[in-house]
């Protein structure tokens, strides 16, 4: 059985972290922890489209 080198382990961990963070949804919360509507978040962030800020949006 082959042993995985340290560089291989780091590569696997880095790949796992990238996959984990790429699936995180972009949801905006206010200071009280409540969800902000996509239109309001669009105004705050300066985006031109509120679709990317909607909680149901998955890429």
N, C-alpha and C. Protein backbone atom coordinates (compact mmCIF):
# COMPACT_ATOMS: atom_id res chain seq x y z
N UNK A 1 0.83 -1.18 0.00
CA UNK A 1 0.00 0.00 0.00
C UNK A 1 0.88 1.25 0.00
N UNK A 2 0.57 2.22 -0.86
CA UNK A 2 1.35 3.43 -0.95
C UNK A 2 1.00 4.40 0.17
N UNK A 3 1.99 5.14 0.60
CA UNK A 3 1.76 6.19 1.58
C UNK A 3 1.57 7.51 0.84
N UNK A 4 0.66 8.32 1.32
CA UNK A 4 0.43 9.62 0.71
C UNK A 4 1.40 10.61 1.33
N UNK A 5 2.09 11.36 0.48
CA UNK A 5 3.07 12.33 0.97
C UNK A 5 2.37 13.51 1.63
N UNK A 6 3.13 14.31 2.33
CA UNK A 6 2.57 15.48 3.00
C UNK A 6 1.99 16.45 1.97
N UNK A 7 2.68 16.62 0.84
CA UNK A 7 2.17 17.50 -0.21
C UNK A 7 0.85 16.98 -0.75
N UNK A 8 0.69 15.69 -0.87
CA UNK A 8 -0.55 15.09 -1.34
C UNK A 8 -1.68 15.32 -0.35
N UNK A 9 -1.37 15.20 0.94
CA UNK A 9 -2.39 15.44 1.97
C UNK A 9 -2.83 16.90 1.96
N UNK A 10 -1.86 17.81 1.79
CA UNK A 10 -2.19 19.23 1.75
C UNK A 10 -3.07 19.53 0.53
N UNK A 11 -2.74 18.92 -0.60
CA UNK A 11 -3.53 19.12 -1.82
C UNK A 11 -4.96 18.62 -1.63
N UNK A 12 -5.12 17.48 -1.00
CA UNK A 12 -6.45 16.93 -0.75
C UNK A 12 -7.24 17.85 0.18
N UNK A 13 -6.60 18.33 1.25
CA UNK A 13 -7.27 19.22 2.20
C UNK A 13 -7.66 20.54 1.53
N UNK A 14 -6.78 21.08 0.71
CA UNK A 14 -7.05 22.33 0.02
C UNK A 14 -8.21 22.17 -0.95
N UNK A 15 -8.25 21.07 -1.66
CA UNK A 15 -9.34 20.79 -2.59
C UNK A 15 -10.67 20.67 -1.83
N UNK A 16 -10.64 19.99 -0.70
CA UNK A 16 -11.85 19.83 0.12
C UNK A 16 -12.35 21.18 0.62
N UNK A 17 -11.45 22.05 1.04
CA UNK A 17 -11.84 23.37 1.52
C UNK A 17 -12.43 24.22 0.40
N UNK A 18 -11.83 24.15 -0.78
CA UNK A 18 -12.36 24.91 -1.92
C UNK A 18 -13.76 24.43 -2.26
N UNK A 19 -13.98 23.12 -2.27
CA UNK A 19 -15.31 22.59 -2.57
C UNK A 19 -16.31 22.99 -1.50
N UNK A 20 -15.89 23.00 -0.25
CA UNK A 20 -16.78 23.37 0.85
C UNK A 20 -17.21 24.82 0.72
N UNK A 21 -16.26 25.71 0.48
CA UNK A 21 -16.59 27.13 0.43
C UNK A 21 -17.28 27.53 -0.87
N UNK A 22 -17.19 26.73 -1.91
CA UNK A 22 -17.87 27.06 -3.16
C UNK A 22 -19.35 26.75 -3.09
N UNK A 23 -19.79 25.97 -2.11
CA UNK A 23 -21.19 25.62 -1.98
C UNK A 23 -21.92 26.47 -0.96
N UNK A 24 -21.22 27.40 -0.32
CA UNK A 24 -21.83 28.25 0.69
C UNK A 24 -22.71 29.29 0.00
N UNK A 25 -23.92 29.46 0.48
CA UNK A 25 -24.85 30.41 -0.10
C UNK A 25 -24.52 31.83 0.36
N UNK A 26 -24.77 32.79 -0.51
CA UNK A 26 -24.54 34.20 -0.17
C UNK A 26 -25.83 34.77 0.39
N UNK A 27 -25.99 34.71 1.70
CA UNK A 27 -27.16 35.26 2.37
C UNK A 27 -26.68 36.39 3.25
N UNK A 28 -27.39 37.52 3.21
CA UNK A 28 -26.99 38.68 3.98
C UNK A 28 -27.86 38.82 5.22
N UNK A 29 -27.22 39.07 6.35
CA UNK A 29 -27.93 39.26 7.61
C UNK A 29 -27.69 40.66 8.12
N UNK A 30 -28.67 41.19 8.87
CA UNK A 30 -28.46 42.49 9.49
C UNK A 30 -27.77 42.31 10.84
N UNK A 31 -27.60 43.38 11.59
CA UNK A 31 -26.85 43.30 12.86
C UNK A 31 -27.58 42.48 13.92
N UNK A 32 -28.90 42.27 13.78
CA UNK A 32 -29.66 41.47 14.74
C UNK A 32 -29.69 40.00 14.35
N UNK A 33 -29.06 39.63 13.25
CA UNK A 33 -29.03 38.24 12.81
C UNK A 33 -30.21 37.85 11.94
N UNK A 34 -31.04 38.81 11.57
CA UNK A 34 -32.18 38.52 10.72
C UNK A 34 -31.78 38.63 9.25
N UNK A 35 -32.47 37.87 8.42
CA UNK A 35 -32.19 37.87 6.99
C UNK A 35 -32.65 39.18 6.36
N UNK A 36 -31.83 39.74 5.50
CA UNK A 36 -32.19 40.95 4.76
C UNK A 36 -32.75 40.52 3.41
N UNK A 37 -33.85 41.13 2.96
CA UNK A 37 -34.39 40.80 1.64
C UNK A 37 -33.35 41.06 0.54
N UNK A 38 -33.38 40.28 -0.54
CA UNK A 38 -32.38 40.42 -1.60
C UNK A 38 -32.28 41.84 -2.16
N UNK A 39 -33.40 42.54 -2.29
CA UNK A 39 -33.37 43.90 -2.82
C UNK A 39 -32.62 44.85 -1.90
N UNK A 40 -32.81 44.69 -0.59
CA UNK A 40 -32.11 45.54 0.37
C UNK A 40 -30.61 45.22 0.37
N UNK A 41 -30.28 43.93 0.29
CA UNK A 41 -28.86 43.53 0.25
C UNK A 41 -28.21 44.06 -1.03
N UNK A 42 -28.98 44.13 -2.12
CA UNK A 42 -28.46 44.66 -3.38
C UNK A 42 -28.07 46.12 -3.21
N UNK A 43 -28.89 46.88 -2.50
CA UNK A 43 -28.58 48.29 -2.25
C UNK A 43 -27.31 48.43 -1.41
N UNK A 44 -27.16 47.57 -0.41
CA UNK A 44 -26.01 47.66 0.49
C UNK A 44 -24.72 47.29 -0.23
N UNK A 45 -24.76 46.20 -1.01
CA UNK A 45 -23.54 45.71 -1.66
C UNK A 45 -23.23 46.44 -2.96
N UNK A 46 -24.24 47.10 -3.55
CA UNK A 46 -24.02 47.81 -4.80
C UNK A 46 -24.11 46.93 -6.03
N UNK A 47 -24.61 45.70 -5.88
CA UNK A 47 -24.78 44.81 -7.03
C UNK A 47 -25.87 45.35 -7.95
N UNK A 48 -25.81 44.97 -9.22
CA UNK A 48 -26.81 45.39 -10.18
C UNK A 48 -27.97 44.40 -10.26
N UNK A 49 -27.78 43.20 -9.70
CA UNK A 49 -28.79 42.16 -9.79
C UNK A 49 -28.99 41.55 -8.40
N UNK A 50 -30.25 41.39 -7.98
CA UNK A 50 -30.55 40.84 -6.66
C UNK A 50 -30.66 39.31 -6.68
N UNK A 51 -30.63 38.70 -7.87
CA UNK A 51 -30.77 37.24 -7.95
C UNK A 51 -29.65 36.52 -7.19
N UNK A 52 -28.42 37.04 -7.28
CA UNK A 52 -27.30 36.38 -6.62
C UNK A 52 -27.38 36.49 -5.11
N UNK A 53 -28.20 37.38 -4.59
CA UNK A 53 -28.32 37.57 -3.15
C UNK A 53 -29.51 36.83 -2.57
N UNK A 54 -30.33 36.22 -3.42
CA UNK A 54 -31.50 35.49 -2.95
C UNK A 54 -31.09 34.19 -2.29
N UNK A 55 -31.74 33.79 -1.19
CA UNK A 55 -31.33 32.58 -0.47
C UNK A 55 -31.51 31.30 -1.28
N UNK A 56 -32.41 31.25 -2.24
CA UNK A 56 -32.63 30.05 -3.02
C UNK A 56 -31.72 29.92 -4.22
N UNK A 57 -30.86 30.91 -4.43
CA UNK A 57 -29.97 30.91 -5.60
C UNK A 57 -28.81 29.96 -5.38
N UNK A 58 -28.68 28.95 -6.23
CA UNK A 58 -27.57 28.00 -6.15
C UNK A 58 -26.88 27.94 -7.50
N UNK A 59 -25.58 28.10 -7.49
CA UNK A 59 -24.83 28.02 -8.75
C UNK A 59 -24.19 26.68 -8.85
